[in-house]
Amino acid sequence: MYACRDLAMAAPAAAFASSKWNAHADAQTCVFRFLEIPEPKYPPTFDKSKNVLHVLYKQKGNALLNLTEFKSPEYKEEFTTEYHASLLVTLRSKFSDESIEKMEQGCPGYTETLKDLAYALKLFSAGEPLPPPPPPPEPEVVPAPEASTSEAQPGEGTAQDGEAAPPATGEAPASPVASPVAAEAPASPTPAPSG
């Protein structure tokens, strides 16, 4: 919250950006980049300007670091200024008088809104990027039950207790044992009664 407040008070004459070195500092430290914008119509960019400042901010104070975003081989807390309680005092030796005047006379509504927005976005809470989440588990494929030979196919009769299913032709099943009616029938036709 302190960093967001000081940053908002300096914003009327400057631009700020994140720094890759913020992830290398401890949990009580914020590191960010600052760039003076003397002419709002033609602002310099962080990538092309040679006047980018790296600010180390702690609750007890802040100072400028001797770092560059791409040329410094590693993070070191090597200061180019003394610790100051206010960011405006730290920047006073690096910014022009016109820019310092803009910061001191900034619109309170603007600076308060920017402070609240920076705090709501947790602007200085970024650390090491989180690893990507593991891929979701693949769904388990359950094979469909295969049709067994004992199941009835369309158009066929069903078999029970191990018996063979009758054919679907409409004919009566052939039986190896003669039916009782056929066994009692005489082998020859009965003679007609005389009379």
C-alpha atoms as a PDB file:
ATOM      1  CA  MET A   1       0.000   0.000   0.000  1.00  0.00           C
ATOM      2  CA  TYR A   2       2.875   2.384   0.773  1.00  0.00           C
ATOM      3  CA  ALA A   3       4.475   1.643  -2.584  1.00  0.00           C
ATOM      4  CA  CYS A   4       1.187   2.219  -4.425  1.00  0.00           C
ATOM      5  CA  ARG A   5       0.705   5.556  -2.672  1.00  0.00           C
ATOM      6  CA  ASP A   6       4.193   6.833  -3.483  1.00  0.00           C
ATOM      7  CA  LEU A   7       3.964   5.544  -7.030  1.00  0.00           C
ATOM      8  CA  ALA A   8       0.667   7.365  -7.604  1.00  0.00           C
ATOM      9  CA  MET A   9       2.133  10.644  -6.336  1.00  0.00           C
ATOM     10  CA  ALA A  10       4.998  10.382  -8.842  1.00  0.00           C
ATOM     11  CA  ALA A  11       2.819   9.254 -11.765  1.00  0.00           C
ATOM     12  CA  PRO A  12       1.824  12.743 -13.106  1.00  0.00           C
ATOM     13  CA  ALA A  13       5.332  13.092 -14.584  1.00  0.00           C
ATOM     14  CA  ALA A  14       6.504   9.505 -14.957  1.00  0.00           C
ATOM     15  CA  ALA A  15       5.650   6.064 -16.264  1.00  0.00           C
ATOM     16  CA  PHE A  16       6.243   2.869 -14.342  1.00  0.00           C
ATOM     17  CA  ALA A  17       6.536  -0.761 -15.306  1.00  0.00           C
ATOM     18  CA  SER A  18       7.246  -4.137 -13.788  1.00  0.00           C
ATOM     19  CA  SER A  19      10.767  -5.487 -13.552  1.00  0.00           C
ATOM     20  CA  LYS A  20      12.008  -9.038 -13.908  1.00  0.00           C
ATOM     21  CA  TRP A  21      14.173  -8.431 -10.825  1.00  0.00           C
ATOM     22  CA  ASN A  22      11.076  -8.212  -8.621  1.00  0.00           C
ATOM     23  CA  ALA A  23      10.912 -12.017  -8.613  1.00  0.00           C
ATOM     24  CA  HIS A  24      14.502 -12.181  -7.264  1.00  0.00           C
ATOM     25  CA  ALA A  25      13.981  -9.800  -4.338  1.00  0.00           C
ATOM     26  CA  ASP A  26      12.754 -10.952  -0.926  1.00  0.00           C
ATOM     27  CA  ALA A  27       9.120 -10.856   0.203  1.00  0.00           C
ATOM     28  CA  GLN A  28       9.554  -7.450   1.910  1.00  0.00           C
ATOM     29  CA  THR A  29      10.931  -5.773  -1.222  1.00  0.00           C
ATOM     30  CA  CYS A  30       9.404  -4.407  -4.437  1.00  0.00           C
ATOM     31  CA  VAL A  31      11.506  -3.696  -7.514  1.00  0.00           C
ATOM     32  CA  PHE A  32       9.996  -1.738 -10.405  1.00  0.00           C
ATOM     33  CA  ARG A  33      11.067   0.503 -13.273  1.00  0.00           C
ATOM     34  CA  PHE A  34      10.487   4.230 -13.514  1.00  0.00           C
ATOM     35  CA  LEU A  35      10.824   6.548 -16.503  1.00  0.00           C
ATOM     36  CA  GLU A  36      10.487  10.323 -16.604  1.00  0.00           C
ATOM     37  CA  ILE A  37       7.958  11.594 -19.176  1.00  0.00           C
ATOM     38  CA  PRO A  38       8.924  15.222 -19.815  1.00  0.00           C
ATOM     39  CA  GLU A  39       6.699  15.592 -22.893  1.00  0.00           C
ATOM     40  CA  PRO A  40       3.391  13.647 -22.799  1.00  0.00           C
ATOM     41  CA  LYS A  41       2.820  14.021 -26.571  1.00  0.00           C
ATOM     42  CA  TYR A  42       5.995  12.111 -27.419  1.00  0.00           C
ATOM     43  CA  PRO A  43       6.679   9.829 -24.445  1.00  0.00           C
ATOM     44  CA  PRO A  44       9.831   7.699 -24.447  1.00  0.00           C
ATOM     45  CA  THR A  45       9.452   3.938 -24.208  1.00  0.00           C
ATOM     46  CA  PHE A  46      10.997   1.614 -21.654  1.00  0.00           C
ATOM     47  CA  ASP A  47      12.617  -0.489 -24.380  1.00  0.00           C
ATOM     48  CA  LYS A  48      14.407   2.373 -26.149  1.00  0.00           C
ATOM     49  CA  SER A  49      15.133   4.866 -23.377  1.00  0.00           C
ATOM     50  CA  LYS A  50      18.485   4.933 -21.584  1.00  0.00           C
ATOM     51  CA  ASN A  51      17.008   6.784 -18.589  1.00  0.00           C
ATOM     52  CA  VAL A  52      15.050   3.901 -17.066  1.00  0.00           C
ATOM     53  CA  LEU A  53      15.463   3.808 -13.280  1.00  0.00           C
ATOM     54  CA  HIS A  54      15.123   0.686 -11.153  1.00  0.00           C
ATOM     55  CA  VAL A  55      13.591   1.465  -7.772  1.00  0.00           C
ATOM     56  CA  LEU A  56      13.974  -0.798  -4.754  1.00  0.00           C
ATOM     57  CA  TYR A  57      11.096  -0.152  -2.365  1.00  0.00           C
ATOM     58  CA  LYS A  58      10.827  -1.382   1.220  1.00  0.00           C
ATOM     59  CA  GLN A  59       8.522  -0.220   3.982  1.00  0.00           C
ATOM     60  CA  LYS A  60      11.417   1.552   5.694  1.00  0.00           C
ATOM     61  CA  GLY A  61      12.371   3.460   2.531  1.00  0.00           C
ATOM     62  CA  ASN A  62      13.418   3.299  -1.094  1.00  0.00           C
ATOM     63  CA  ALA A  63      16.510   3.792  -3.221  1.00  0.00           C
ATOM     64  CA  LEU A  64      17.608   3.508  -6.844  1.00  0.00           C
ATOM     65  CA  LEU A  65      19.383   0.325  -7.897  1.00  0.00           C
ATOM     66  CA  ASN A  66      22.346  -0.007 -10.184  1.00  0.00           C
ATOM     67  CA  LEU A  67      20.561  -2.489 -12.462  1.00  0.00           C
ATOM     68  CA  THR A  68      19.397  -2.741 -16.026  1.00  0.00           C
ATOM     69  CA  GLU A  69      16.639  -5.011 -17.201  1.00  0.00           C
ATOM     70  CA  PHE A  70      18.606  -6.926 -19.831  1.00  0.00           C
ATOM     71  CA  LYS A  71      22.317  -6.223 -19.347  1.00  0.00           C
ATOM     72  CA  SER A  72      22.731  -6.958 -15.638  1.00  0.00           C
ATOM     73  CA  PRO A  73      23.804 -10.584 -15.209  1.00  0.00           C
ATOM     74  CA  GLU A  74      22.239 -11.063 -11.759  1.00  0.00           C
ATOM     75  CA  TYR A  75      20.258  -9.302  -9.055  1.00  0.00           C
ATOM     76  CA  LYS A  76      22.335  -7.265  -6.605  1.00  0.00           C
ATOM     77  CA  GLU A  77      21.174  -4.624  -4.161  1.00  0.00           C
ATOM     78  CA  GLU A  78      23.783  -2.109  -5.200  1.00  0.00           C
ATOM     79  CA  PHE A  79      22.409   1.413  -4.692  1.00  0.00           C
ATOM     80  CA  THR A  80      23.061   4.607  -6.625  1.00  0.00           C
ATOM     81  CA  THR A  81      21.239   6.792  -4.062  1.00  0.00           C
ATOM     82  CA  GLU A  82      20.672   6.796  -0.331  1.00  0.00           C
ATOM     83  CA  TYR A  83      17.513   5.435   1.276  1.00  0.00           C
ATOM     84  CA  HIS A  84      14.693   7.987   1.441  1.00  0.00           C
ATOM     85  CA  ALA A  85      11.283   7.773   3.077  1.00  0.00           C
ATOM     86  CA  SER A  86       9.491   9.219   0.021  1.00  0.00           C
ATOM     87  CA  LEU A  87       9.839   8.259  -3.623  1.00  0.00           C
ATOM     88  CA  LEU A  88       9.565  11.930  -4.610  1.00  0.00           C
ATOM     89  CA  VAL A  89      12.719  12.697  -2.633  1.00  0.00           C
ATOM     90  CA  THR A  90      14.533   9.765  -4.254  1.00  0.00           C
ATOM     91  CA  LEU A  91      13.582  10.937  -7.748  1.00  0.00           C
ATOM     92  CA  ARG A  92      14.423  14.584  -7.079  1.00  0.00           C
ATOM     93  CA  SER A  93      18.078  14.075  -7.986  1.00  0.00           C
ATOM     94  CA  LYS A  94      17.235  12.284 -11.264  1.00  0.00           C
ATOM     95  CA  PHE A  95      14.199  14.131 -12.648  1.00  0.00           C
ATOM     96  CA  SER A  96      14.008  17.660 -14.053  1.00  0.00           C
ATOM     97  CA  ASP A  97      12.569  20.543 -11.998  1.00  0.00           C
ATOM     98  CA  GLU A  98       9.491  20.665 -14.269  1.00  0.00           C
ATOM     99  CA  SER A  99       8.743  16.990 -13.647  1.00  0.00           C
ATOM    100  CA  ILE A 100       9.202  17.381  -9.876  1.00  0.00           C
ATOM    101  CA  GLU A 101       6.793  20.335  -9.956  1.00  0.00           C
ATOM    102  CA  LYS A 102       4.211  18.265 -11.872  1.00  0.00           C
ATOM    103  CA  MET A 103       4.469  15.533  -9.259  1.00  0.00           C
ATOM    104  CA  GLU A 104       4.113  17.920  -6.336  1.00  0.00           C
ATOM    105  CA  GLN A 105       1.100  19.636  -7.900  1.00  0.00           C
ATOM    106  CA  GLY A 106      -0.634  16.483  -9.142  1.00  0.00           C
ATOM    107  CA  CYS A 107      -4.436  16.286  -9.014  1.00  0.00           C
ATOM    108  CA  PRO A 108      -5.464  14.563  -5.738  1.00  0.00           C
ATOM    109  CA  GLY A 109      -8.361  12.770  -7.434  1.00  0.00           C
ATOM    110  CA  TYR A 110      -6.031  11.323 -10.052  1.00  0.00           C
ATOM    111  CA  THR A 111      -3.381  10.189  -7.594  1.00  0.00           C
ATOM    112  CA  GLU A 112      -5.936   8.676  -5.185  1.00  0.00           C
ATOM    113  CA  THR A 113      -7.638   6.764  -8.004  1.00  0.00           C
ATOM    114  CA  LEU A 114      -4.317   5.470  -9.301  1.00  0.00           C
ATOM    115  CA  LYS A 115      -3.241   4.419  -5.796  1.00  0.00           C
ATOM    116  CA  ASP A 116      -6.479   2.466  -5.281  1.00  0.00           C
ATOM    117  CA  LEU A 117      -6.238   0.858  -8.710  1.00  0.00           C
ATOM    118  CA  ALA A 118      -2.613  -0.197  -8.236  1.00  0.00           C
ATOM    119  CA  TYR A 119      -3.439  -1.675  -4.829  1.00  0.00           C
ATOM    120  CA  ALA A 120      -6.546  -3.481  -6.128  1.00  0.00           C
ATOM    121  CA  LEU A 121      -4.513  -5.030  -8.950  1.00  0.00           C
ATOM    122  CA  LYS A 122      -1.843  -6.201  -6.446  1.00  0.00           C
ATOM    123  CA  LEU A 123       0.700  -4.539  -8.684  1.00  0.00           C
ATOM    124  CA  PHE A 124       3.708  -5.428  -6.515  1.00  0.00           C
ATOM    125  CA  SER A 125       2.612  -8.885  -5.412  1.00  0.00           C
ATOM    126  CA  ALA A 126       4.025 -10.747  -8.400  1.00  0.00           C
ATOM    127  CA  GLY A 127       6.705 -13.323  -7.776  1.00  0.00           C
ATOM    128  CA  GLU A 128       7.999 -16.299  -9.670  1.00  0.00           C
ATOM    129  CA  PRO A 129       5.517 -17.482 -12.289  1.00  0.00           C
ATOM    130  CA  LEU A 130       3.544 -20.525 -11.222  1.00  0.00           C
ATOM    131  CA  PRO A 131       4.256 -23.781 -13.042  1.00  0.00           C
ATOM    132  CA  PRO A 132       1.556 -24.819 -15.500  1.00  0.00           C
ATOM    133  CA  PRO A 133      -1.100 -27.120 -14.051  1.00  0.00           C
ATOM    134  CA  PRO A 134      -0.728 -30.836 -14.790  1.00  0.00           C
ATOM    135  CA  PRO A 135      -2.784 -32.097 -17.725  1.00  0.00           C
ATOM    136  CA  PRO A 136      -6.158 -33.544 -16.787  1.00  0.00           C
ATOM    137  CA  PRO A 137      -6.275 -37.341 -16.545  1.00  0.00           C
ATOM    138  CA  GLU A 138      -7.515 -39.056 -19.667  1.00  0.00           C
ATOM    139  CA  PRO A 139     -10.982 -40.576 -19.304  1.00  0.00           C
ATOM    140  CA  GLU A 140     -10.987 -44.317 -18.716  1.00  0.00           C
ATOM    141  CA  VAL A 141     -12.257 -46.187 -21.742  1.00  0.00           C
ATOM    142  CA  VAL A 142     -14.533 -49.086 -20.822  1.00  0.00           C
ATOM    143  CA  PRO A 143     -14.834 -51.623 -23.680  1.00  0.00           C
ATOM    144  CA  ALA A 144     -18.344 -52.427 -24.849  1.00  0.00           C
ATOM    145  CA  PRO A 145     -19.519 -55.951 -23.985  1.00  0.00           C
ATOM    146  CA  GLU A 146     -19.081 -58.316 -26.944  1.00  0.00           C
ATOM    147  CA  ALA A 147     -22.085 -60.289 -28.179  1.00  0.00           C
ATOM    148  CA  SER A 148     -21.832 -63.927 -27.051  1.00  0.00           C
ATOM    149  CA  THR A 149     -22.929 -66.874 -29.189  1.00  0.00           C
ATOM    150  CA  SER A 150     -25.512 -67.962 -26.601  1.00  0.00           C
ATOM    151  CA  GLU A 151     -27.497 -64.770 -27.018  1.00  0.00           C
ATOM    152  CA  ALA A 152     -30.338 -64.799 -29.448  1.00  0.00           C
ATOM    153  CA  GLN A 153     -29.940 -62.956 -32.699  1.00  0.00           C
ATOM    154  CA  PRO A 154     -32.890 -61.164 -34.248  1.00  0.00           C
ATOM    155  CA  GLY A 155     -35.230 -63.638 -35.914  1.00  0.00           C
ATOM    156  CA  GLU A 156     -33.993 -66.648 -33.943  1.00  0.00           C
ATOM    157  CA  GLY A 157     -35.596 -68.456 -31.040  1.00  0.00           C
ATOM    158  CA  THR A 158     -34.064 -68.504 -27.591  1.00  0.00           C
ATOM    159  CA  ALA A 159     -32.326 -71.432 -26.009  1.00  0.00           C
ATOM    160  CA  GLN A 160     -32.977 -72.437 -22.434  1.00  0.00           C
ATOM    161  CA  ASP A 161     -30.999 -74.756 -20.173  1.00  0.00           C
ATOM    162  CA  GLY A 162     -28.446 -75.670 -22.801  1.00  0.00           C
ATOM    163  CA  GLU A 163     -31.010 -76.800 -25.407  1.00  0.00           C
ATOM    164  CA  ALA A 164     -30.512 -75.827 -28.997  1.00  0.00           C
ATOM    165  CA  ALA A 165     -32.695 -73.034 -30.229  1.00  0.00           C
ATOM    166  CA  PRO A 166     -35.297 -73.973 -32.822  1.00  0.00           C
ATOM    167  CA  PRO A 167     -34.679 -72.606 -36.279  1.00  0.00           C
ATOM    168  CA  ALA A 168     -36.564 -69.540 -37.391  1.00  0.00           C
ATOM    169  CA  THR A 169     -38.056 -71.286 -40.459  1.00  0.00           C
ATOM    170  CA  GLY A 170     -41.435 -72.029 -38.867  1.00  0.00           C
ATOM    171  CA  GLU A 171     -40.976 -75.822 -39.107  1.00  0.00           C
ATOM    172  CA  ALA A 172     -41.412 -78.043 -36.086  1.00  0.00           C
ATOM    173  CA  PRO A 173     -38.208 -79.253 -34.545  1.00  0.00           C
ATOM    174  CA  ALA A 174     -37.119 -82.731 -35.422  1.00  0.00           C
ATOM    175  CA  SER A 175     -37.022 -85.000 -32.385  1.00  0.00           C
ATOM    176  CA  PRO A 176     -34.922 -88.152 -32.131  1.00  0.00           C
ATOM    177  CA  VAL A 177     -37.570 -89.715 -29.842  1.00  0.00           C
ATOM    178  CA  ALA A 178     -40.981 -90.371 -31.330  1.00  0.00           C
ATOM    179  CA  SER A 179     -43.848 -88.609 -29.719  1.00  0.00           C
ATOM    180  CA  PRO A 180     -46.204 -90.768 -27.580  1.00  0.00           C
ATOM    181  CA  VAL A 181     -49.056 -90.185 -29.983  1.00  0.00           C
ATOM    182  CA  ALA A 182     -47.023 -91.436 -32.898  1.00  0.00           C
ATOM    183  CA  ALA A 183     -45.906 -94.516 -30.912  1.00  0.00           C
ATOM    184  CA  GLU A 184     -49.507 -95.618 -30.155  1.00  0.00           C
ATOM    185  CA  ALA A 185     -50.733 -95.181 -33.703  1.00  0.00           C
ATOM    186  CA  PRO A 186     -51.074 -98.483 -35.646  1.00  0.00           C
ATOM    187  CA  ALA A 187     -48.615 -99.174 -38.381  1.00  0.00           C
ATOM    188  CA  SER A 188     -51.416-100.036 -40.844  1.00  0.00           C
ATOM    189  CA  PRO A 189     -54.745 -98.354 -41.392  1.00  0.00           C
ATOM    190  CA  THR A 190     -57.674 -99.795 -39.449  1.00  0.00           C
ATOM    191  CA  PRO A 191     -60.223-101.803 -41.476  1.00  0.00           C
ATOM    192  CA  ALA A 192     -63.631-100.258 -41.956  1.00  0.00           C
ATOM    193  CA  PRO A 193     -66.446-102.068 -40.122  1.00  0.00           C
ATOM    194  CA  SER A 194     -68.543-104.360 -42.297  1.00  0.00           C
ATOM    195  CA  GLY A 195     -72.028-104.340 -42.311  1.00  0.00           C
END
